[in-house]
Amino acid sequence: MEKSNLIKFPQNESIQCPVCEQYNVQTTIENDTFTYDAVELTASIPVRTCNDCGFRFTDEIAEEVEHEAICQHLGVIIPKEIGAIRKQYQLSWTEFSEITTLDEVSLAHWENGELIQNPVIDKFLYLLKFPENLERLKKKNADNLLILQQNGYRARQRV
């Protein structure tokens, strides 16, 4: 029996056609070949087809799948995993940024799939999967603050 690549969505997850604005849209999974940095990559993406007007389209889910394919090609952590690293410690972007000294805006871009982190940052993020490494950073930050205070510097407060 041939496996169908048609995906049926429950009523509460209906997708609206951007052309005719109807909700009679079916989704199929199709292989999409695209070029990234002179290399052809293939990703299985959801393609939407409106049964009323026939319009075919892709959306942000297809973009996420292609972004993940690029990350896998480059051998870097995918956005969902970056978010999972931060969330395993129940930290906001600001808190995670303060501990790691990673730029908060860049962190948000990597987590949202808007940018791809460089290999050095990727290795650092990988190490942060292990709780003992985050604890080491917290200790180092506390030690640095203590040294600064002993030398007469005061911690700058955020406004």
N, C-alpha and C. Protein backbone atom coordinates (compact mmCIF):
# COMPACT_ATOMS: atom_id res chain seq x y z
N MET A 1 0.84 -1.17 0.00
CA MET A 1 0.00 0.00 0.00
C MET A 1 0.89 1.25 0.00
N GLU A 2 0.60 2.20 -0.88
CA GLU A 2 1.40 3.42 -0.99
C GLU A 2 1.03 4.38 0.13
N LYS A 3 2.05 4.94 0.76
CA LYS A 3 1.84 5.86 1.87
C LYS A 3 1.47 7.23 1.30
N SER A 4 0.40 7.81 1.78
CA SER A 4 -0.04 9.13 1.32
C SER A 4 0.77 10.21 2.02
N ASN A 5 1.09 11.25 1.27
CA ASN A 5 1.81 12.36 1.90
C ASN A 5 0.86 13.53 2.15
N LEU A 6 -0.42 13.24 2.23
CA LEU A 6 -1.42 14.24 2.54
C LEU A 6 -1.57 14.33 4.05
N ILE A 7 -1.50 15.54 4.58
CA ILE A 7 -1.65 15.76 6.01
C ILE A 7 -3.01 16.38 6.26
N LYS A 8 -3.77 15.82 7.17
CA LYS A 8 -5.07 16.37 7.52
C LYS A 8 -4.94 17.11 8.85
N PHE A 9 -5.43 18.34 8.87
CA PHE A 9 -5.36 19.14 10.08
C PHE A 9 -6.71 19.12 10.79
N PRO A 10 -6.70 19.06 12.11
CA PRO A 10 -7.97 19.18 12.84
C PRO A 10 -8.60 20.53 12.55
N GLN A 11 -9.89 20.64 12.77
CA GLN A 11 -10.62 21.88 12.46
C GLN A 11 -9.99 23.11 13.11
N ASN A 12 -9.53 22.98 14.34
CA ASN A 12 -8.98 24.15 15.03
C ASN A 12 -7.60 24.54 14.51
N GLU A 13 -7.02 23.76 13.60
CA GLU A 13 -5.73 24.10 13.03
C GLU A 13 -5.85 24.37 11.53
N SER A 14 -7.01 24.83 11.09
CA SER A 14 -7.22 25.12 9.68
C SER A 14 -6.28 26.22 9.21
N ILE A 15 -5.91 26.11 7.96
CA ILE A 15 -5.03 27.09 7.35
C ILE A 15 -5.83 27.89 6.33
N GLN A 16 -5.67 29.19 6.38
CA GLN A 16 -6.42 30.06 5.48
C GLN A 16 -5.62 30.33 4.21
N CYS A 17 -6.28 30.25 3.07
CA CYS A 17 -5.65 30.57 1.80
C CYS A 17 -5.39 32.08 1.74
N PRO A 18 -4.17 32.50 1.41
CA PRO A 18 -3.89 33.94 1.35
C PRO A 18 -4.53 34.63 0.14
N VAL A 19 -5.03 33.86 -0.83
CA VAL A 19 -5.64 34.46 -2.03
C VAL A 19 -7.14 34.61 -1.87
N CYS A 20 -7.84 33.49 -1.64
CA CYS A 20 -9.31 33.55 -1.56
C CYS A 20 -9.83 33.60 -0.13
N GLU A 21 -8.93 33.46 0.85
CA GLU A 21 -9.23 33.55 2.28
C GLU A 21 -10.16 32.45 2.79
N GLN A 22 -10.25 31.36 2.05
CA GLN A 22 -11.05 30.21 2.49
C GLN A 22 -10.16 29.29 3.32
N TYR A 23 -10.79 28.40 4.07
CA TYR A 23 -10.06 27.47 4.93
C TYR A 23 -10.06 26.05 4.38
N ASN A 24 -10.26 25.91 3.10
CA ASN A 24 -10.29 24.60 2.46
C ASN A 24 -8.91 24.29 1.87
N VAL A 25 -7.93 24.16 2.75
CA VAL A 25 -6.53 24.00 2.34
C VAL A 25 -6.04 22.62 2.76
N GLN A 26 -5.39 21.94 1.83
CA GLN A 26 -4.76 20.65 2.13
C GLN A 26 -3.25 20.84 2.15
N THR A 27 -2.58 19.99 2.90
CA THR A 27 -1.13 20.06 3.00
C THR A 27 -0.53 18.75 2.54
N THR A 28 0.48 18.85 1.68
CA THR A 28 1.25 17.68 1.28
C THR A 28 2.71 17.95 1.63
N ILE A 29 3.44 16.89 1.84
CA ILE A 29 4.88 17.01 2.09
C ILE A 29 5.59 16.73 0.78
N GLU A 30 6.42 17.69 0.37
CA GLU A 30 7.14 17.56 -0.89
C GLU A 30 8.62 17.85 -0.67
N ASN A 31 9.46 17.19 -1.43
CA ASN A 31 10.89 17.47 -1.38
C ASN A 31 11.17 18.76 -2.12
N ASP A 32 11.85 19.66 -1.46
CA ASP A 32 12.22 20.94 -2.06
C ASP A 32 13.74 21.01 -2.10
N THR A 33 14.29 21.19 -3.29
CA THR A 33 15.73 21.33 -3.45
C THR A 33 16.04 22.82 -3.60
N PHE A 34 16.97 23.30 -2.79
CA PHE A 34 17.35 24.71 -2.82
C PHE A 34 18.86 24.82 -2.67
N THR A 35 19.39 25.96 -3.08
CA THR A 35 20.83 26.17 -3.03
C THR A 35 21.18 27.01 -1.81
N TYR A 36 22.18 26.53 -1.07
CA TYR A 36 22.72 27.29 0.04
C TYR A 36 24.24 27.27 -0.10
N ASP A 37 24.82 28.45 -0.24
CA ASP A 37 26.28 28.57 -0.33
C ASP A 37 26.85 27.62 -1.39
N ALA A 38 26.25 27.64 -2.58
CA ALA A 38 26.67 26.85 -3.75
C ALA A 38 26.49 25.35 -3.58
N VAL A 39 25.74 24.94 -2.55
CA VAL A 39 25.46 23.52 -2.33
C VAL A 39 23.95 23.32 -2.44
N GLU A 40 23.56 22.27 -3.15
CA GLU A 40 22.13 21.97 -3.25
C GLU A 40 21.72 21.10 -2.06
N LEU A 41 20.71 21.57 -1.35
CA LEU A 41 20.16 20.84 -0.21
C LEU A 41 18.71 20.48 -0.51
N THR A 42 18.24 19.42 0.09
CA THR A 42 16.85 19.00 -0.09
C THR A 42 16.20 18.86 1.28
N ALA A 43 15.00 19.41 1.38
CA ALA A 43 14.23 19.31 2.62
C ALA A 43 12.80 18.92 2.27
N SER A 44 12.20 18.12 3.12
CA SER A 44 10.79 17.75 2.95
C SER A 44 9.95 18.81 3.64
N ILE A 45 9.26 19.63 2.84
CA ILE A 45 8.52 20.76 3.38
C ILE A 45 7.02 20.60 3.15
N PRO A 46 6.22 21.23 4.01
CA PRO A 46 4.77 21.22 3.79
C PRO A 46 4.40 22.23 2.70
N VAL A 47 3.66 21.76 1.70
CA VAL A 47 3.16 22.63 0.63
C VAL A 47 1.65 22.67 0.77
N ARG A 48 1.10 23.86 0.82
CA ARG A 48 -0.34 24.06 1.00
C ARG A 48 -1.00 24.25 -0.37
N THR A 49 -2.17 23.66 -0.55
CA THR A 49 -2.94 23.83 -1.78
C THR A 49 -4.39 24.13 -1.40
N CYS A 50 -4.90 25.25 -1.91
CA CYS A 50 -6.28 25.62 -1.66
C CYS A 50 -7.19 24.82 -2.60
N ASN A 51 -8.13 24.11 -2.04
CA ASN A 51 -9.06 23.32 -2.84
C ASN A 51 -10.12 24.19 -3.52
N ASP A 52 -10.26 25.45 -3.10
CA ASP A 52 -11.25 26.33 -3.71
C ASP A 52 -10.70 27.08 -4.91
N CYS A 53 -9.49 27.68 -4.77
CA CYS A 53 -8.95 28.47 -5.88
C CYS A 53 -7.73 27.84 -6.54
N GLY A 54 -7.19 26.77 -5.95
CA GLY A 54 -6.05 26.07 -6.54
C GLY A 54 -4.69 26.67 -6.23
N PHE A 55 -4.64 27.74 -5.45
CA PHE A 55 -3.37 28.39 -5.13
C PHE A 55 -2.50 27.47 -4.28
N ARG A 56 -1.21 27.35 -4.67
CA ARG A 56 -0.23 26.55 -3.92
C ARG A 56 0.74 27.50 -3.23
N PHE A 57 1.05 27.21 -1.97
CA PHE A 57 1.93 28.11 -1.24
C PHE A 57 2.64 27.37 -0.12
N THR A 58 3.71 27.99 0.36
CA THR A 58 4.41 27.52 1.54
C THR A 58 4.33 28.63 2.59
N ASP A 59 4.65 28.28 3.82
CA ASP A 59 4.56 29.26 4.90
C ASP A 59 5.79 29.18 5.80
N GLU A 60 5.68 29.76 6.99
CA GLU A 60 6.83 29.82 7.89
C GLU A 60 7.30 28.43 8.34
N ILE A 61 6.43 27.46 8.32
CA ILE A 61 6.85 26.11 8.71
C ILE A 61 7.85 25.57 7.70
N ALA A 62 7.59 25.80 6.41
CA ALA A 62 8.54 25.38 5.37
C ALA A 62 9.87 26.10 5.54
N GLU A 63 9.82 27.39 5.89
CA GLU A 63 11.05 28.15 6.12
C GLU A 63 11.84 27.56 7.28
N GLU A 64 11.15 27.17 8.35
CA GLU A 64 11.82 26.56 9.50
C GLU A 64 12.49 25.25 9.12
N VAL A 65 11.80 24.44 8.32
CA VAL A 65 12.35 23.15 7.90
C VAL A 65 13.60 23.37 7.05
N GLU A 66 13.55 24.35 6.13
CA GLU A 66 14.73 24.63 5.30
C GLU A 66 15.87 25.17 6.15
N HIS A 67 15.56 26.03 7.13
CA HIS A 67 16.59 26.56 8.02
C HIS A 67 17.26 25.42 8.79
N GLU A 68 16.47 24.48 9.27
CA GLU A 68 17.03 23.33 9.98
C GLU A 68 17.91 22.49 9.06
N ALA A 69 17.52 22.36 7.79
CA ALA A 69 18.34 21.61 6.83
C ALA A 69 19.69 22.30 6.64
N ILE A 70 19.69 23.63 6.61
CA ILE A 70 20.94 24.38 6.48
C ILE A 70 21.80 24.16 7.72
N CYS A 71 21.19 24.25 8.90
CA CYS A 71 21.94 24.02 10.15
C CYS A 71 22.55 22.63 10.17
N GLN A 72 21.78 21.64 9.76
CA GLN A 72 22.30 20.27 9.73
C GLN A 72 23.45 20.15 8.73
N HIS A 73 23.32 20.83 7.59
CA HIS A 73 24.39 20.83 6.59
C HIS A 73 25.67 21.44 7.18
N LEU A 74 25.50 22.51 7.95
CA LEU A 74 26.65 23.19 8.55
C LEU A 74 27.15 22.50 9.81
N GLY A 75 26.36 21.58 10.34
CA GLY A 75 26.76 20.87 11.56
C GLY A 75 26.59 21.70 12.82
N VAL A 76 25.62 22.63 12.81
CA VAL A 76 25.39 23.47 13.99
C VAL A 76 24.04 23.12 14.61
N ILE A 77 23.88 23.54 15.85
CA ILE A 77 22.66 23.29 16.61
C ILE A 77 21.49 24.02 15.96
N ILE A 78 20.35 23.34 15.86
CA ILE A 78 19.16 23.95 15.26
C ILE A 78 18.47 24.87 16.28
N PRO A 79 17.68 25.84 15.79
CA PRO A 79 17.05 26.81 16.69
C PRO A 79 16.27 26.20 17.86
N LYS A 80 15.49 25.16 17.60
CA LYS A 80 14.71 24.54 18.69
C LYS A 80 15.62 24.05 19.81
N GLU A 81 16.78 23.52 19.44
CA GLU A 81 17.71 23.02 20.45
C GLU A 81 18.34 24.16 21.23
N ILE A 82 18.59 25.28 20.55
CA ILE A 82 19.14 26.45 21.26
C ILE A 82 18.14 26.91 22.32
N GLY A 83 16.87 27.00 21.92
CA GLY A 83 15.83 27.36 22.87
C GLY A 83 15.73 26.37 24.02
N ALA A 84 15.87 25.10 23.70
CA ALA A 84 15.79 24.05 24.73
C ALA A 84 16.92 24.17 25.74
N ILE A 85 18.10 24.58 25.28
CA ILE A 85 19.24 24.75 26.20
C ILE A 85 18.90 25.81 27.24
N ARG A 86 18.44 26.97 26.75
CA ARG A 86 18.09 28.06 27.67
C ARG A 86 16.93 27.67 28.58
N LYS A 87 15.93 27.05 28.00
CA LYS A 87 14.72 26.70 28.77
C LYS A 87 14.97 25.61 29.80
N GLN A 88 15.98 24.76 29.58
CA GLN A 88 16.25 23.71 30.58
C GLN A 88 16.68 24.33 31.90
N TYR A 89 17.17 25.57 31.85
CA TYR A 89 17.56 26.28 33.08
C TYR A 89 16.48 27.26 33.53
N GLN A 90 15.37 27.30 32.80
CA GLN A 90 14.25 28.20 33.10
C GLN A 90 14.72 29.66 33.19
N LEU A 91 15.51 30.06 32.19
CA LEU A 91 16.05 31.41 32.16
C LEU A 91 15.46 32.19 31.00
N SER A 92 15.26 33.49 31.21
CA SER A 92 14.85 34.37 30.12
C SER A 92 16.07 34.64 29.24
N TRP A 93 15.84 35.26 28.09
CA TRP A 93 16.96 35.63 27.23
C TRP A 93 17.92 36.55 27.99
N THR A 94 17.36 37.48 28.76
CA THR A 94 18.18 38.44 29.50
C THR A 94 19.04 37.72 30.54
N GLU A 95 18.43 36.83 31.32
CA GLU A 95 19.17 36.11 32.36
C GLU A 95 20.26 35.22 31.75
N PHE A 96 19.90 34.50 30.69
CA PHE A 96 20.87 33.62 30.02
C PHE A 96 22.02 34.45 29.45
N SER A 97 21.68 35.60 28.89
CA SER A 97 22.68 36.49 28.32
C SER A 97 23.64 37.02 29.38
N GLU A 98 23.10 37.38 30.54
CA GLU A 98 23.94 37.91 31.62
C GLU A 98 24.93 36.86 32.12
N ILE A 99 24.49 35.63 32.21
CA ILE A 99 25.38 34.56 32.70
C ILE A 99 26.44 34.21 31.66
N THR A 100 26.03 34.11 30.40
CA THR A 100 26.93 33.61 29.35
C THR A 100 27.69 34.70 28.62
N THR A 101 27.28 35.93 28.77
CA THR A 101 27.77 37.11 28.03
C THR A 101 27.47 37.02 26.53
N LEU A 102 26.56 36.13 26.15
CA LEU A 102 26.09 36.13 24.76
C LEU A 102 25.15 37.31 24.58
N ASP A 103 25.22 37.95 23.43
CA ASP A 103 24.35 39.07 23.15
C ASP A 103 22.90 38.61 23.13
N GLU A 104 22.06 39.30 23.88
CA GLU A 104 20.65 38.90 24.02
C GLU A 104 19.92 38.92 22.68
N VAL A 105 20.16 39.93 21.87
CA VAL A 105 19.49 40.03 20.57
C VAL A 105 19.95 38.90 19.65
N SER A 106 21.25 38.63 19.63
CA SER A 106 21.76 37.53 18.80
C SER A 106 21.17 36.20 19.26
N LEU A 107 21.10 36.01 20.57
CA LEU A 107 20.52 34.79 21.12
C LEU A 107 19.08 34.60 20.63
N ALA A 108 18.31 35.67 20.66
CA ALA A 108 16.93 35.61 20.17
C ALA A 108 16.89 35.28 18.68
N HIS A 109 17.79 35.88 17.91
CA HIS A 109 17.84 35.59 16.46
C HIS A 109 18.18 34.12 16.20
N TRP A 110 19.13 33.56 16.94
CA TRP A 110 19.51 32.15 16.74
C TRP A 110 18.35 31.24 17.12
N GLU A 111 17.72 31.58 18.24
CA GLU A 111 16.62 30.75 18.74
C GLU A 111 15.40 30.81 17.82
N ASN A 112 15.18 31.94 17.19
CA ASN A 112 14.04 32.11 16.30
C ASN A 112 14.34 31.72 14.86
N GLY A 113 15.56 31.27 14.59
CA GLY A 113 15.92 30.84 13.25
C GLY A 113 16.12 31.99 12.27
N GLU A 114 16.40 33.18 12.78
CA GLU A 114 16.61 34.34 11.92
C GLU A 114 18.06 34.46 11.49
N LEU A 115 18.96 33.92 12.28
CA LEU A 115 20.39 33.90 11.97
C LEU A 115 20.96 32.54 12.36
N ILE A 116 22.12 32.23 11.79
CA ILE A 116 22.82 30.99 12.15
C ILE A 116 24.08 31.38 12.90
N GLN A 117 24.27 30.77 14.05
CA GLN A 117 25.44 31.06 14.87
C GLN A 117 26.71 30.55 14.19
N ASN A 118 27.83 31.22 14.49
CA ASN A 118 29.10 30.77 13.92
C ASN A 118 29.59 29.53 14.68
N PRO A 119 30.58 28.82 14.14
CA PRO A 119 31.03 27.57 14.76
C PRO A 119 31.54 27.72 16.20
N VAL A 120 32.16 28.85 16.52
CA VAL A 120 32.67 29.06 17.88
C VAL A 120 31.51 29.17 18.86
N ILE A 121 30.53 29.98 18.52
CA ILE A 121 29.34 30.13 19.37
C ILE A 121 28.60 28.80 19.46
N ASP A 122 28.55 28.06 18.35
CA ASP A 122 27.86 26.78 18.35
C ASP A 122 28.49 25.81 19.35
N LYS A 123 29.81 25.78 19.39
CA LYS A 123 30.50 24.89 20.35
C LYS A 123 30.23 25.34 21.79
N PHE A 124 30.20 26.66 22.00
CA PHE A 124 29.90 27.20 23.33
C PHE A 124 28.48 26.80 23.74
N LEU A 125 27.52 26.95 22.81
CA LEU A 125 26.15 26.55 23.10
C LEU A 125 26.07 25.06 23.42
N TYR A 126 26.82 24.26 22.67
CA TYR A 126 26.85 22.82 22.92
C TYR A 126 27.30 22.54 24.36
N LEU A 127 28.35 23.22 24.79
CA LEU A 127 28.86 23.01 26.16
C LEU A 127 27.84 23.43 27.21
N LEU A 128 26.99 24.40 26.86
CA LEU A 128 25.98 24.87 27.81
C LEU A 128 24.84 23.87 28.00
N LYS A 129 24.80 22.83 27.19
CA LYS A 129 23.81 21.77 27.40
C LYS A 129 24.05 21.06 28.73
N PHE A 130 25.28 21.12 29.20
CA PHE A 130 25.67 20.41 30.41
C PHE A 130 25.61 21.36 31.61
N PRO A 131 24.73 21.09 32.58
CA PRO A 131 24.52 22.01 33.70
C PRO A 131 25.79 22.43 34.43
N GLU A 132 26.76 21.52 34.53
CA GLU A 132 27.98 21.89 35.25
C GLU A 132 28.72 23.04 34.57
N ASN A 133 28.58 23.18 33.26
CA ASN A 133 29.25 24.29 32.57
C ASN A 133 28.57 25.62 32.85
N LEU A 134 27.25 25.62 32.93
CA LEU A 134 26.55 26.85 33.29
C LEU A 134 26.91 27.23 34.73
N GLU A 135 27.00 26.26 35.61
CA GLU A 135 27.39 26.53 37.00
C GLU A 135 28.80 27.12 37.06
N ARG A 136 29.70 26.62 36.23
CA ARG A 136 31.07 27.18 36.18
C ARG A 136 31.03 28.66 35.78
N LEU A 137 30.18 28.98 34.80
CA LEU A 137 30.07 30.38 34.37
C LEU A 137 29.51 31.24 35.50
N LYS A 138 28.50 30.75 36.20
CA LYS A 138 27.93 31.51 37.32
C LYS A 138 29.00 31.77 38.38
N LYS A 139 29.80 30.75 38.69
CA LYS A 139 30.86 30.89 39.69
C LYS A 139 31.90 31.90 39.22
N LYS A 140 32.29 31.82 37.96
CA LYS A 140 33.27 32.76 37.41
C LYS A 140 32.74 34.18 37.48
N ASN A 141 31.47 34.37 37.14
CA ASN A 141 30.86 35.70 37.21
C ASN A 141 30.88 36.23 38.64
N ALA A 142 30.54 35.36 39.60
CA ALA A 142 30.54 35.76 41.00
C ALA A 142 31.96 36.10 41.46
N ASP A 143 32.93 35.28 41.05
CA ASP A 143 34.33 35.54 41.41
C ASP A 143 34.80 36.87 40.82
N ASN A 144 34.45 37.13 39.57
CA ASN A 144 34.84 38.39 38.92
C ASN A 144 34.23 39.58 39.64
N LEU A 145 32.96 39.46 40.03
CA LEU A 145 32.30 40.55 40.74
C LEU A 145 32.97 40.80 42.08
N LEU A 146 33.34 39.74 42.78
CA LEU A 146 34.02 39.87 44.07
C LEU A 146 35.36 40.58 43.90
N ILE A 147 36.12 40.21 42.88
CA ILE A 147 37.42 40.85 42.62
C ILE A 147 37.22 42.33 42.33
N LEU A 148 36.23 42.65 41.51
CA LEU A 148 35.96 44.06 41.20
C LEU A 148 35.59 44.83 42.47
N GLN A 149 34.75 44.24 43.30
CA GLN A 149 34.35 44.91 44.54
C GLN A 149 35.53 45.10 45.47
N GLN A 150 36.42 44.12 45.53
CA GLN A 150 37.61 44.23 46.37
C GLN A 150 38.54 45.33 45.87
N ASN A 151 38.48 45.60 44.58
CA ASN A 151 39.32 46.65 44.00
C ASN A 151 38.61 48.00 43.96
N GLY A 152 37.46 48.10 44.64
CA GLY A 152 36.79 49.38 44.76
C GLY A 152 35.77 49.68 43.68
N TYR A 153 35.52 48.76 42.79
CA TYR A 153 34.51 48.99 41.76
C TYR A 153 33.14 48.58 42.28
N ARG A 154 32.13 49.29 41.83
CA ARG A 154 30.76 48.94 42.21
C ARG A 154 30.06 48.32 41.01
N ALA A 155 29.22 47.35 41.29
CA ALA A 155 28.46 46.72 40.21
C ALA A 155 27.49 47.74 39.62
N ARG A 156 27.43 47.78 38.32
CA ARG A 156 26.53 48.69 37.64
C ARG A 156 25.13 48.08 37.67
N GLN A 157 24.18 48.87 38.08
CA GLN A 157 22.81 48.38 38.13
C GLN A 157 22.10 48.71 36.83
N ARG A 158 21.26 47.77 36.39
CA ARG A 158 20.47 48.00 35.18
C ARG A 158 19.28 48.88 35.52
N VAL A 159 18.95 49.73 34.61
CA VAL A 159 17.80 50.63 34.81
C VAL A 159 16.57 50.02 34.20
